[in-house]
């Protein structure tokens, strides 16, 4: 039988049935992705990244003795209740004139934020 777009199965044309199936699969994938939790921020990895990228200016841990005089310590940033984790991560992902462009991934930024927050406790 030659394919004919007018051929119908169950009241739908084959093209419509195909599109409906693709739509149903897309919704199933989206639902599964929504149920998969995002990876938790890893403060230990954040410490590794902070020591590599941030310690030349910021005091990133209690055992560090020197940083730039005008850069806030990670402990002081972590204690500031008005700074949300989301806002801090966005700040780290955006280039700033006084900070190097580290080209962090979202996961790396979240890890550094988790580490900064741990230093404020």
PDB file of N, CA and C in Angstrom:
ATOM      1  N   UNK A   1       0.836  -1.165   0.000  1.00  0.00           N
ATOM      2  CA  UNK A   1       0.000   0.000   0.000  1.00  0.00           C
ATOM      3  C   UNK A   1       0.886   1.234   0.000  1.00  0.00           C
ATOM      4  N   UNK A   2       0.615   2.131  -0.848  1.00  0.00           N
ATOM      5  CA  UNK A   2       1.347   3.382  -0.953  1.00  0.00           C
ATOM      6  C   UNK A   2       0.911   4.310   0.175  1.00  0.00           C
ATOM      7  N   UNK A   3       1.901   5.040   0.790  1.00  0.00           N
ATOM      8  CA  UNK A   3       1.588   5.964   1.883  1.00  0.00           C
ATOM      9  C   UNK A   3       0.744   7.092   1.341  1.00  0.00           C
ATOM     10  N   UNK A   4      -0.311   7.360   2.030  1.00  0.00           N
ATOM     11  CA  UNK A   4      -1.213   8.433   1.643  1.00  0.00           C
ATOM     12  C   UNK A   4      -1.555   9.201   2.909  1.00  0.00           C
ATOM     13  N   UNK A   5      -1.320  10.488   2.893  1.00  0.00           N
ATOM     14  CA  UNK A   5      -1.563  11.274   4.091  1.00  0.00           C
ATOM     15  C   UNK A   5      -3.029  11.258   4.494  1.00  0.00           C
ATOM     16  N   UNK A   6      -3.903  10.853   3.615  1.00  0.00           N
ATOM     17  CA  UNK A   6      -5.322  10.799   3.939  1.00  0.00           C
ATOM     18  C   UNK A   6      -5.671   9.496   4.645  1.00  0.00           C
ATOM     19  N   UNK A   7      -4.768   8.489   4.634  1.00  0.00           N
ATOM     20  CA  UNK A   7      -5.030   7.220   5.296  1.00  0.00           C
ATOM     21  C   UNK A   7      -5.201   7.485   6.788  1.00  0.00           C
ATOM     22  N   UNK A   8      -6.215   6.958   7.386  1.00  0.00           N
ATOM     23  CA  UNK A   8      -6.524   7.260   8.782  1.00  0.00           C
ATOM     24  C   UNK A   8      -6.487   5.997   9.642  1.00  0.00           C
ATOM     25  N   UNK A   9      -6.013   6.200  10.884  1.00  0.00           N
ATOM     26  CA  UNK A   9      -6.050   5.117  11.873  1.00  0.00           C
ATOM     27  C   UNK A   9      -6.624   5.706  13.147  1.00  0.00           C
ATOM     28  N   UNK A  10      -7.697   5.166  13.593  1.00  0.00           N
ATOM     29  CA  UNK A  10      -8.296   5.630  14.841  1.00  0.00           C
ATOM     30  C   UNK A  10      -8.740   7.073  14.777  1.00  0.00           C
ATOM     31  N   UNK A  11      -9.089   7.569  13.648  1.00  0.00           N
ATOM     32  CA  UNK A  11      -9.566   8.938  13.530  1.00  0.00           C
ATOM     33  C   UNK A  11      -8.464   9.961  13.318  1.00  0.00           C
ATOM     34  N   UNK A  12      -7.199   9.548  13.379  1.00  0.00           N
ATOM     35  CA  UNK A  12      -6.086  10.463  13.164  1.00  0.00           C
ATOM     36  C   UNK A  12      -5.362  10.085  11.879  1.00  0.00           C
ATOM     37  N   UNK A  13      -4.850  11.071  11.181  1.00  0.00           N
ATOM     38  CA  UNK A  13      -4.014  10.743  10.038  1.00  0.00           C
ATOM     39  C   UNK A  13      -2.686  10.220  10.566  1.00  0.00           C
ATOM     40  N   UNK A  14      -1.951   9.500   9.734  1.00  0.00           N
ATOM     41  CA  UNK A  14      -0.657   8.972  10.178  1.00  0.00           C
ATOM     42  C   UNK A  14       0.248  10.110  10.622  1.00  0.00           C
ATOM     43  N   UNK A  15       0.239  11.215   9.899  1.00  0.00           N
ATOM     44  CA  UNK A  15       1.064  12.367  10.293  1.00  0.00           C
ATOM     45  C   UNK A  15       0.671  12.882  11.664  1.00  0.00           C
ATOM     46  N   UNK A  16      -0.622  12.985  11.930  1.00  0.00           N
ATOM     47  CA  UNK A  16      -1.090  13.457  13.233  1.00  0.00           C
ATOM     48  C   UNK A  16      -0.735  12.473  14.332  1.00  0.00           C
ATOM     49  N   UNK A  17      -0.881  11.179  14.065  1.00  0.00           N
ATOM     50  CA  UNK A  17      -0.544  10.154  15.054  1.00  0.00           C
ATOM     51  C   UNK A  17       0.941  10.200  15.375  1.00  0.00           C
ATOM     52  N   UNK A  18       1.757  10.401  14.350  1.00  0.00           N
ATOM     53  CA  UNK A  18       3.212  10.487  14.533  1.00  0.00           C
ATOM     54  C   UNK A  18       3.559  11.697  15.404  1.00  0.00           C
ATOM     55  N   UNK A  19       2.973  12.846  15.109  1.00  0.00           N
ATOM     56  CA  UNK A  19       3.232  14.048  15.889  1.00  0.00           C
ATOM     57  C   UNK A  19       2.741  13.889  17.329  1.00  0.00           C
ATOM     58  N   UNK A  20       1.609  13.240  17.519  1.00  0.00           N
ATOM     59  CA  UNK A  20       1.098  13.016  18.865  1.00  0.00           C
ATOM     60  C   UNK A  20       2.046  12.111  19.653  1.00  0.00           C
ATOM     61  N   UNK A  21       2.581  11.088  18.996  1.00  0.00           N
ATOM     62  CA  UNK A  21       3.524  10.187  19.667  1.00  0.00           C
ATOM     63  C   UNK A  21       4.802  10.926  20.050  1.00  0.00           C
ATOM     64  N   UNK A  22       5.296  11.767  19.171  1.00  0.00           N
ATOM     65  CA  UNK A  22       6.505  12.547  19.474  1.00  0.00           C
ATOM     66  C   UNK A  22       6.226  13.488  20.642  1.00  0.00           C
ATOM     67  N   UNK A  23       5.064  14.124  20.634  1.00  0.00           N
ATOM     68  CA  UNK A  23       4.698  15.010  21.734  1.00  0.00           C
ATOM     69  C   UNK A  23       4.612  14.275  23.057  1.00  0.00           C
ATOM     70  N   UNK A  24       4.032  13.086  23.046  1.00  0.00           N
ATOM     71  CA  UNK A  24       3.921  12.285  24.269  1.00  0.00           C
ATOM     72  C   UNK A  24       5.302  11.888  24.777  1.00  0.00           C
ATOM     73  N   UNK A  25       6.206  11.520  23.865  1.00  0.00           N
ATOM     74  CA  UNK A  25       7.572  11.163  24.271  1.00  0.00           C
ATOM     75  C   UNK A  25       8.279  12.374  24.857  1.00  0.00           C
ATOM     76  N   UNK A  26       8.100  13.535  24.248  1.00  0.00           N
ATOM     77  CA  UNK A  26       8.739  14.750  24.756  1.00  0.00           C
ATOM     78  C   UNK A  26       8.253  15.074  26.159  1.00  0.00           C
ATOM     79  N   UNK A  27       6.957  14.937  26.390  1.00  0.00           N
ATOM     80  CA  UNK A  27       6.411  15.179  27.732  1.00  0.00           C
ATOM     81  C   UNK A  27       6.950  14.177  28.743  1.00  0.00           C
ATOM     82  N   UNK A  28       7.100  12.922  28.342  1.00  0.00           N
ATOM     83  CA  UNK A  28       7.637  11.901  29.242  1.00  0.00           C
ATOM     84  C   UNK A  28       9.085  12.204  29.604  1.00  0.00           C
ATOM     85  N   UNK A  29       9.877  12.626  28.626  1.00  0.00           N
ATOM     86  CA  UNK A  29      11.282  12.974  28.884  1.00  0.00           C
ATOM     87  C   UNK A  29      11.352  14.177  29.806  1.00  0.00           C
ATOM     88  N   UNK A  30      10.515  15.171  29.564  1.00  0.00           N
ATOM     89  CA  UNK A  30      10.495  16.371  30.396  1.00  0.00           C
ATOM     90  C   UNK A  30      10.099  16.018  31.829  1.00  0.00           C
ATOM     91  N   UNK A  31       9.109  15.161  32.001  1.00  0.00           N
ATOM     92  CA  UNK A  31       8.674  14.755  33.336  1.00  0.00           C
ATOM     93  C   UNK A  31       9.781  13.997  34.057  1.00  0.00           C
ATOM     94  N   UNK A  32      10.481  13.132  33.342  1.00  0.00           N
ATOM     95  CA  UNK A  32      11.577  12.378  33.950  1.00  0.00           C
ATOM     96  C   UNK A  32      12.711  13.310  34.366  1.00  0.00           C
ATOM     97  N   UNK A  33      13.002  14.298  33.528  1.00  0.00           N
ATOM     98  CA  UNK A  33      14.068  15.245  33.852  1.00  0.00           C
ATOM     99  C   UNK A  33      13.695  16.077  35.071  1.00  0.00           C
ATOM    100  N   UNK A  34      12.434  16.437  35.206  1.00  0.00           N
ATOM    101  CA  UNK A  34      11.987  17.226  36.348  1.00  0.00           C
ATOM    102  C   UNK A  34      12.097  16.431  37.647  1.00  0.00           C
ATOM    103  N   UNK A  35      11.981  15.110  37.560  1.00  0.00           N
ATOM    104  CA  UNK A  35      12.058  14.271  38.749  1.00  0.00           C
ATOM    105  C   UNK A  35      13.493  13.946  39.128  1.00  0.00           C
ATOM    106  N   UNK A  36      14.443  14.152  38.211  1.00  0.00           N
ATOM    107  CA  UNK A  36      15.849  13.884  38.492  1.00  0.00           C
ATOM    108  C   UNK A  36      16.417  15.084  39.241  1.00  0.00           C
ATOM    109  N   UNK A  37      16.848  14.904  40.478  1.00  0.00           N
ATOM    110  CA  UNK A  37      17.351  16.047  41.234  1.00  0.00           C
ATOM    111  C   UNK A  37      18.675  16.558  40.657  1.00  0.00           C
ATOM    112  N   UNK A  38      18.855  17.865  40.756  1.00  0.00           N
ATOM    113  CA  UNK A  38      20.123  18.466  40.329  1.00  0.00           C
ATOM    114  C   UNK A  38      21.216  17.995  41.290  1.00  0.00           C
ATOM    115  N   UNK A  39      22.443  17.874  40.801  1.00  0.00           N
ATOM    116  CA  UNK A  39      23.511  17.462  41.706  1.00  0.00           C
ATOM    117  C   UNK A  39      23.670  18.469  42.843  1.00  0.00           C
ATOM    118  N   UNK A  40      23.899  17.967  44.025  1.00  0.00           N
ATOM    119  CA  UNK A  40      24.079  18.847  45.181  1.00  0.00           C
ATOM    120  C   UNK A  40      25.413  19.572  45.082  1.00  0.00           C
ATOM    121  N   UNK A  41      25.443  20.827  45.517  1.00  0.00           N
ATOM    122  CA  UNK A  41      26.721  21.544  45.530  1.00  0.00           C
ATOM    123  C   UNK A  41      27.720  20.833  46.443  1.00  0.00           C
ATOM    124  N   UNK A  42      28.961  20.828  46.021  1.00  0.00           N
ATOM    125  CA  UNK A  42      30.033  20.119  46.729  1.00  0.00           C
ATOM    126  C   UNK A  42      31.012  21.142  47.305  1.00  0.00           C
ATOM    127  N   UNK A  43      30.879  21.428  48.596  1.00  0.00           N
ATOM    128  CA  UNK A  43      31.724  22.427  49.241  1.00  0.00           C
ATOM    129  C   UNK A  43      33.207  22.044  49.195  1.00  0.00           C
ATOM    130  N   UNK A  44      33.517  20.754  49.264  1.00  0.00           N
ATOM    131  CA  UNK A  44      34.923  20.318  49.201  1.00  0.00           C
ATOM    132  C   UNK A  44      35.533  20.666  47.849  1.00  0.00           C
ATOM    133  N   UNK A  45      34.788  20.442  46.781  1.00  0.00           N
ATOM    134  CA  UNK A  45      35.272  20.840  45.463  1.00  0.00           C
ATOM    135  C   UNK A  45      35.336  22.366  45.371  1.00  0.00           C
ATOM    136  N   UNK A  46      34.379  23.048  45.998  1.00  0.00           N
ATOM    137  CA  UNK A  46      34.413  24.511  46.031  1.00  0.00           C
ATOM    138  C   UNK A  46      35.668  25.038  46.689  1.00  0.00           C
ATOM    139  N   UNK A  47      36.125  24.352  47.739  1.00  0.00           N
ATOM    140  CA  UNK A  47      37.372  24.760  48.392  1.00  0.00           C
ATOM    141  C   UNK A  47      38.562  24.613  47.447  1.00  0.00           C
ATOM    142  N   UNK A  48      38.616  23.508  46.722  1.00  0.00           N
ATOM    143  CA  UNK A  48      39.706  23.293  45.755  1.00  0.00           C
ATOM    144  C   UNK A  48      39.705  24.412  44.712  1.00  0.00           C
ATOM    145  N   UNK A  49      38.521  24.724  44.189  1.00  0.00           N
ATOM    146  CA  UNK A  49      38.409  25.785  43.177  1.00  0.00           C
ATOM    147  C   UNK A  49      38.767  27.146  43.768  1.00  0.00           C
ATOM    148  N   UNK A  50      38.316  27.410  44.990  1.00  0.00           N
ATOM    149  CA  UNK A  50      38.596  28.701  45.635  1.00  0.00           C
ATOM    150  C   UNK A  50      40.088  28.884  45.877  1.00  0.00           C
ATOM    151  N   UNK A  51      40.745  27.833  46.301  1.00  0.00           N
ATOM    152  CA  UNK A  51      42.197  27.943  46.528  1.00  0.00           C
ATOM    153  C   UNK A  51      42.933  28.193  45.208  1.00  0.00           C
ATOM    154  N   UNK A  52      42.412  27.624  44.125  1.00  0.00           N
ATOM    155  CA  UNK A  52      43.046  27.811  42.814  1.00  0.00           C
ATOM    156  C   UNK A  52      42.753  29.191  42.243  1.00  0.00           C
ATOM    157  N   UNK A  53      41.483  29.625  42.278  1.00  0.00           N
ATOM    158  CA  UNK A  53      41.067  30.832  41.569  1.00  0.00           C
ATOM    159  C   UNK A  53      40.969  32.081  42.435  1.00  0.00           C
ATOM    160  N   UNK A  54      40.691  31.925  43.720  1.00  0.00           N
ATOM    161  CA  UNK A  54      40.289  33.080  44.528  1.00  0.00           C
ATOM    162  C   UNK A  54      41.309  33.505  45.573  1.00  0.00           C
ATOM    163  N   UNK A  55      42.197  32.605  45.980  1.00  0.00           N
ATOM    164  CA  UNK A  55      43.082  32.853  47.118  1.00  0.00           C
ATOM    165  C   UNK A  55      44.139  33.925  46.860  1.00  0.00           C
ATOM    166  N   UNK A  56      44.367  34.285  45.620  1.00  0.00           N
ATOM    167  CA  UNK A  56      45.354  35.348  45.383  1.00  0.00           C
ATOM    168  C   UNK A  56      44.818  36.708  45.839  1.00  0.00           C
ATOM    169  N   UNK A  57      43.506  36.852  45.930  1.00  0.00           N
ATOM    170  CA  UNK A  57      42.911  38.120  46.388  1.00  0.00           C
ATOM    171  C   UNK A  57      42.141  37.966  47.695  1.00  0.00           C
ATOM    172  N   UNK A  58      41.340  36.915  47.808  1.00  0.00           N
ATOM    173  CA  UNK A  58      40.490  36.705  48.988  1.00  0.00           C
ATOM    174  C   UNK A  58      41.161  35.757  49.966  1.00  0.00           C
ATOM    175  N   UNK A  59      40.906  35.971  51.234  1.00  0.00           N
ATOM    176  CA  UNK A  59      41.262  34.961  52.229  1.00  0.00           C
ATOM    177  C   UNK A  59      40.123  33.953  52.188  1.00  0.00           C
ATOM    178  N   UNK A  60      40.431  32.756  51.705  1.00  0.00           N
ATOM    179  CA  UNK A  60      39.391  31.763  51.457  1.00  0.00           C
ATOM    180  C   UNK A  60      39.245  30.743  52.582  1.00  0.00           C
ATOM    181  N   UNK A  61      40.202  30.739  53.548  1.00  0.00           N
ATOM    182  CA  UNK A  61      40.120  29.790  54.658  1.00  0.00           C
ATOM    183  C   UNK A  61      40.842  30.366  55.866  1.00  0.00           C
ATOM    184  N   UNK A  62      40.554  29.779  57.010  1.00  0.00           N
ATOM    185  CA  UNK A  62      41.151  30.251  58.250  1.00  0.00           C
ATOM    186  C   UNK A  62      42.657  30.087  58.320  1.00  0.00           C
ATOM    187  N   UNK A  63      43.209  29.158  57.530  1.00  0.00           N
ATOM    188  CA  UNK A  63      44.653  28.936  57.583  1.00  0.00           C
ATOM    189  C   UNK A  63      45.426  29.835  56.609  1.00  0.00           C
ATOM    190  N   UNK A  64      44.722  30.630  55.821  1.00  0.00           N
ATOM    191  CA  UNK A  64      45.380  31.541  54.887  1.00  0.00           C
ATOM    192  C   UNK A  64      45.672  32.858  55.605  1.00  0.00           C
ATOM    193  N   UNK A  65      46.863  33.359  55.459  1.00  0.00           N
ATOM    194  CA  UNK A  65      47.285  34.553  56.199  1.00  0.00           C
ATOM    195  C   UNK A  65      47.152  35.855  55.413  1.00  0.00           C
ATOM    196  N   UNK A  66      47.270  35.791  54.087  1.00  0.00           N
ATOM    197  CA  UNK A  66      47.268  37.033  53.312  1.00  0.00           C
ATOM    198  C   UNK A  66      46.314  36.954  52.130  1.00  0.00           C
ATOM    199  N   UNK A  67      45.725  38.102  51.827  1.00  0.00           N
ATOM    200  CA  UNK A  67      44.909  38.306  50.643  1.00  0.00           C
ATOM    201  C   UNK A  67      45.025  39.778  50.285  1.00  0.00           C
ATOM    202  N   UNK A  68      44.360  40.203  49.259  1.00  0.00           N
ATOM    203  CA  UNK A  68      44.369  41.620  48.906  1.00  0.00           C
ATOM    204  C   UNK A  68      43.642  42.398  50.006  1.00  0.00           C
ATOM    205  N   UNK A  69      44.114  43.587  50.280  1.00  0.00           N
ATOM    206  CA  UNK A  69      43.555  44.347  51.399  1.00  0.00           C
ATOM    207  C   UNK A  69      42.100  44.755  51.169  1.00  0.00           C
ATOM    208  N   UNK A  70      41.675  44.909  49.926  1.00  0.00           N
ATOM    209  CA  UNK A  70      40.308  45.375  49.674  1.00  0.00           C
ATOM    210  C   UNK A  70      39.347  44.260  49.269  1.00  0.00           C
ATOM    211  N   UNK A  71      39.797  43.014  49.267  1.00  0.00           N
ATOM    212  CA  UNK A  71      38.929  41.891  48.904  1.00  0.00           C
ATOM    213  C   UNK A  71      38.345  41.290  50.174  1.00  0.00           C
ATOM    214  N   UNK A  72      37.027  41.126  50.243  1.00  0.00           N
ATOM    215  CA  UNK A  72      36.440  40.549  51.462  1.00  0.00           C
ATOM    216  C   UNK A  72      36.829  39.085  51.630  1.00  0.00           C
ATOM    217  N   UNK A  73      36.893  38.668  52.878  1.00  0.00           N
ATOM    218  CA  UNK A  73      37.185  37.258  53.150  1.00  0.00           C
ATOM    219  C   UNK A  73      35.960  36.416  52.813  1.00  0.00           C
ATOM    220  N   UNK A  74      36.178  35.148  52.535  1.00  0.00           N
ATOM    221  CA  UNK A  74      35.055  34.251  52.276  1.00  0.00           C
ATOM    222  C   UNK A  74      34.172  34.134  53.511  1.00  0.00           C
ATOM    223  N   UNK A  75      34.769  34.174  54.717  1.00  0.00           N
ATOM    224  CA  UNK A  75      33.974  34.085  55.947  1.00  0.00           C
ATOM    225  C   UNK A  75      33.025  35.278  56.046  1.00  0.00           C
ATOM    226  N   UNK A  76      33.515  36.479  55.717  1.00  0.00           N
ATOM    227  CA  UNK A  76      32.644  37.657  55.813  1.00  0.00           C
ATOM    228  C   UNK A  76      31.539  37.622  54.757  1.00  0.00           C
ATOM    229  N   UNK A  77      31.852  37.118  53.570  1.00  0.00           N
ATOM    230  CA  UNK A  77      30.826  36.986  52.522  1.00  0.00           C
ATOM    231  C   UNK A  77      29.796  35.946  52.958  1.00  0.00           C
ATOM    232  N   UNK A  78      30.267  34.844  53.504  1.00  0.00           N
ATOM    233  CA  UNK A  78      29.377  33.760  53.917  1.00  0.00           C
ATOM    234  C   UNK A  78      28.448  34.133  55.053  1.00  0.00           C
ATOM    235  N   UNK A  79      28.818  35.114  55.858  1.00  0.00           N
ATOM    236  CA  UNK A  79      27.972  35.557  56.975  1.00  0.00           C
ATOM    237  C   UNK A  79      26.910  36.572  56.558  1.00  0.00           C
ATOM    238  N   UNK A  80      27.001  37.095  55.365  1.00  0.00           N
ATOM    239  CA  UNK A  80      26.058  38.148  54.932  1.00  0.00           C
ATOM    240  C   UNK A  80      24.730  37.515  54.514  1.00  0.00           C
ATOM    241  N   UNK A  81      23.716  37.694  55.352  1.00  0.00           N
ATOM    242  CA  UNK A  81      22.414  37.056  55.116  1.00  0.00           C
ATOM    243  C   UNK A  81      21.692  37.615  53.902  1.00  0.00           C
ATOM    244  N   UNK A  82      22.012  38.831  53.494  1.00  0.00           N
ATOM    245  CA  UNK A  82      21.327  39.420  52.331  1.00  0.00           C
ATOM    246  C   UNK A  82      21.845  38.867  50.997  1.00  0.00           C
ATOM    247  N   UNK A  83      22.937  38.138  51.031  1.00  0.00           N
ATOM    248  CA  UNK A  83      23.474  37.533  49.808  1.00  0.00           C
ATOM    249  C   UNK A  83      22.920  36.122  49.694  1.00  0.00           C
ATOM    250  N   UNK A  84      22.088  35.899  48.697  1.00  0.00           N
ATOM    251  CA  UNK A  84      21.499  34.571  48.504  1.00  0.00           C
ATOM    252  C   UNK A  84      22.484  33.677  47.748  1.00  0.00           C
ATOM    253  N   UNK A  85      22.386  32.372  47.916  1.00  0.00           N
ATOM    254  CA  UNK A  85      23.242  31.467  47.139  1.00  0.00           C
ATOM    255  C   UNK A  85      23.068  31.675  45.632  1.00  0.00           C
ATOM    256  N   UNK A  86      21.827  31.901  45.200  1.00  0.00           N
ATOM    257  CA  UNK A  86      21.573  32.100  43.770  1.00  0.00           C
ATOM    258  C   UNK A  86      22.228  33.384  43.268  1.00  0.00           C
ATOM    259  N   UNK A  87      22.106  34.452  44.055  1.00  0.00           N
ATOM    260  CA  UNK A  87      22.711  35.733  43.677  1.00  0.00           C
ATOM    261  C   UNK A  87      24.223  35.655  43.630  1.00  0.00           C
ATOM    262  N   UNK A  88      24.810  34.963  44.597  1.00  0.00           N
ATOM    263  CA  UNK A  88      26.264  34.815  44.628  1.00  0.00           C
ATOM    264  C   UNK A  88      26.746  33.979  43.443  1.00  0.00           C
ATOM    265  N   UNK A  89      26.015  32.919  43.121  1.00  0.00           N
ATOM    266  CA  UNK A  89      26.392  32.091  41.972  1.00  0.00           C
ATOM    267  C   UNK A  89      26.312  32.908  40.685  1.00  0.00           C
ATOM    268  N   UNK A  90      25.261  33.710  40.543  1.00  0.00           N
ATOM    269  CA  UNK A  90      25.134  34.553  39.356  1.00  0.00           C
ATOM    270  C   UNK A  90      26.277  35.546  39.279  1.00  0.00           C
ATOM    271  N   UNK A  91      26.654  36.122  40.421  1.00  0.00           N
ATOM    272  CA  UNK A  91      27.793  37.036  40.466  1.00  0.00           C
ATOM    273  C   UNK A  91      29.065  36.342  39.984  1.00  0.00           C
ATOM    274  N   UNK A  92      29.299  35.120  40.451  1.00  0.00           N
ATOM    275  CA  UNK A  92      30.511  34.393  40.058  1.00  0.00           C
ATOM    276  C   UNK A  92      30.518  34.031  38.571  1.00  0.00           C
ATOM    277  N   UNK A  93      29.340  33.831  38.005  1.00  0.00           N
ATOM    278  CA  UNK A  93      29.254  33.461  36.583  1.00  0.00           C
ATOM    279  C   UNK A  93      29.359  34.663  35.647  1.00  0.00           C
ATOM    280  N   UNK A  94      29.190  35.866  36.191  1.00  0.00           N
ATOM    281  CA  UNK A  94      29.240  37.081  35.374  1.00  0.00           C
ATOM    282  C   UNK A  94      30.628  37.705  35.459  1.00  0.00           C
ATOM    283  N   UNK A  95      31.192  38.137  34.325  1.00  0.00           N
ATOM    284  CA  UNK A  95      32.512  38.784  34.382  1.00  0.00           C
ATOM    285  C   UNK A  95      32.433  40.139  35.095  1.00  0.00           C
ATOM    286  N   UNK A  96      33.445  40.434  35.871  1.00  0.00           N
ATOM    287  CA  UNK A  96      33.539  41.704  36.587  1.00  0.00           C
ATOM    288  C   UNK A  96      34.930  42.276  36.396  1.00  0.00           C
ATOM    289  N   UNK A  97      35.052  43.583  36.305  1.00  0.00           N
ATOM    290  CA  UNK A  97      36.367  44.191  36.044  1.00  0.00           C
ATOM    291  C   UNK A  97      37.422  43.858  37.091  1.00  0.00           C
ATOM    292  N   UNK A  98      37.027  43.729  38.352  1.00  0.00           N
ATOM    293  CA  UNK A  98      38.029  43.492  39.399  1.00  0.00           C
ATOM    294  C   UNK A  98      38.317  42.012  39.619  1.00  0.00           C
ATOM    295  N   UNK A  99      37.579  41.153  38.953  1.00  0.00           N
ATOM    296  CA  UNK A  99      37.787  39.715  39.121  1.00  0.00           C
ATOM    297  C   UNK A  99      38.142  39.088  37.779  1.00  0.00           C
ATOM    298  N   UNK A 100      38.962  38.054  37.798  1.00  0.00           N
ATOM    299  CA  UNK A 100      39.294  37.391  36.526  1.00  0.00           C
ATOM    300  C   UNK A 100      38.077  36.664  35.965  1.00  0.00           C
ATOM    301  N   UNK A 101      38.033  36.515  34.659  1.00  0.00           N
ATOM    302  CA  UNK A 101      36.966  35.733  34.029  1.00  0.00           C
ATOM    303  C   UNK A 101      37.369  34.270  34.149  1.00  0.00           C
ATOM    304  N   UNK A 102      36.774  33.593  35.112  1.00  0.00           N
ATOM    305  CA  UNK A 102      37.160  32.219  35.404  1.00  0.00           C
ATOM    306  C   UNK A 102      36.448  31.214  34.517  1.00  0.00           C
ATOM    307  N   UNK A 103      35.424  31.642  33.806  1.00  0.00           N
ATOM    308  CA  UNK A 103      34.639  30.762  32.926  1.00  0.00           C
ATOM    309  C   UNK A 103      34.183  29.512  33.682  1.00  0.00           C
ATOM    310  N   UNK A 104      33.573  29.735  34.841  1.00  0.00           N
ATOM    311  CA  UNK A 104      33.089  28.630  35.660  1.00  0.00           C
ATOM    312  C   UNK A 104      31.840  28.011  35.048  1.00  0.00           C
ATOM    313  N   UNK A 105      31.668  26.737  35.281  1.00  0.00           N
ATOM    314  CA  UNK A 105      30.398  26.104  34.945  1.00  0.00           C
ATOM    315  C   UNK A 105      29.418  26.429  36.072  1.00  0.00           C
ATOM    316  N   UNK A 106      28.144  26.170  35.843  1.00  0.00           N
ATOM    317  CA  UNK A 106      27.144  26.394  36.896  1.00  0.00           C
ATOM    318  C   UNK A 106      27.430  25.509  38.112  1.00  0.00           C
ATOM    319  N   UNK A 107      27.853  24.292  37.870  1.00  0.00           N
ATOM    320  CA  UNK A 107      28.175  23.371  38.961  1.00  0.00           C
ATOM    321  C   UNK A 107      29.358  23.889  39.768  1.00  0.00           C
ATOM    322  N   UNK A 108      30.395  24.374  39.100  1.00  0.00           N
ATOM    323  CA  UNK A 108      31.558  24.916  39.805  1.00  0.00           C
ATOM    324  C   UNK A 108      31.175  26.145  40.626  1.00  0.00           C
ATOM    325  N   UNK A 109      30.361  27.029  40.064  1.00  0.00           N
ATOM    326  CA  UNK A 109      29.906  28.209  40.805  1.00  0.00           C
ATOM    327  C   UNK A 109      29.111  27.779  42.036  1.00  0.00           C
ATOM    328  N   UNK A 110      28.233  26.797  41.884  1.00  0.00           N
ATOM    329  CA  UNK A 110      27.448  26.301  43.020  1.00  0.00           C
ATOM    330  C   UNK A 110      28.360  25.686  44.084  1.00  0.00           C
ATOM    331  N   UNK A 111      29.409  25.002  43.656  1.00  0.00           N
ATOM    332  CA  UNK A 111      30.361  24.408  44.599  1.00  0.00           C
ATOM    333  C   UNK A 111      31.099  25.505  45.381  1.00  0.00           C
ATOM    334  N   UNK A 112      31.539  26.550  44.699  1.00  0.00           N
ATOM    335  CA  UNK A 112      32.230  27.654  45.381  1.00  0.00           C
ATOM    336  C   UNK A 112      31.280  28.347  46.346  1.00  0.00           C
ATOM    337  N   UNK A 113      30.039  28.555  45.926  1.00  0.00           N
ATOM    338  CA  UNK A 113      29.051  29.171  46.812  1.00  0.00           C
ATOM    339  C   UNK A 113      28.850  28.320  48.055  1.00  0.00           C
ATOM    340  N   UNK A 114      28.742  27.014  47.893  1.00  0.00           N
ATOM    341  CA  UNK A 114      28.585  26.122  49.050  1.00  0.00           C
ATOM    342  C   UNK A 114      29.776  26.253  49.985  1.00  0.00           C
ATOM    343  N   UNK A 115      30.964  26.372  49.425  1.00  0.00           N
ATOM    344  CA  UNK A 115      32.160  26.532  50.257  1.00  0.00           C
ATOM    345  C   UNK A 115      32.145  27.882  50.976  1.00  0.00           C
ATOM    346  N   UNK A 116      31.813  28.951  50.261  1.00  0.00           N
ATOM    347  CA  UNK A 116      31.758  30.280  50.880  1.00  0.00           C
ATOM    348  C   UNK A 116      30.751  30.272  52.036  1.00  0.00           C
ATOM    349  N   UNK A 117      29.577  29.682  51.787  1.00  0.00           N
ATOM    350  CA  UNK A 117      28.554  29.625  52.840  1.00  0.00           C
ATOM    351  C   UNK A 117      29.065  28.848  54.062  1.00  0.00           C
ATOM    352  N   UNK A 118      29.841  27.791  53.822  1.00  0.00           N
ATOM    353  CA  UNK A 118      30.368  27.008  54.944  1.00  0.00           C
ATOM    354  C   UNK A 118      31.372  27.813  55.761  1.00  0.00           C
ATOM    355  N   UNK A 119      32.060  28.746  55.119  1.00  0.00           N
ATOM    356  CA  UNK A 119      33.047  29.567  55.830  1.00  0.00           C
ATOM    357  C   UNK A 119      32.395  30.638  56.708  1.00  0.00           C
ATOM    358  N   UNK A 120      31.135  30.955  56.436  1.00  0.00           N
ATOM    359  CA  UNK A 120      30.443  31.968  57.209  1.00  0.00           C
ATOM    360  C   UNK A 120      29.787  31.448  58.474  1.00  0.00           C
ATOM    361  N   UNK A 121      29.885  30.159  58.698  1.00  0.00           N
ATOM    362  CA  UNK A 121      29.242  29.572  59.893  1.00  0.00           C
ATOM    363  C   UNK A 121      30.111  29.685  61.112  1.00  0.00           C
TER     364      UNK A 121
END
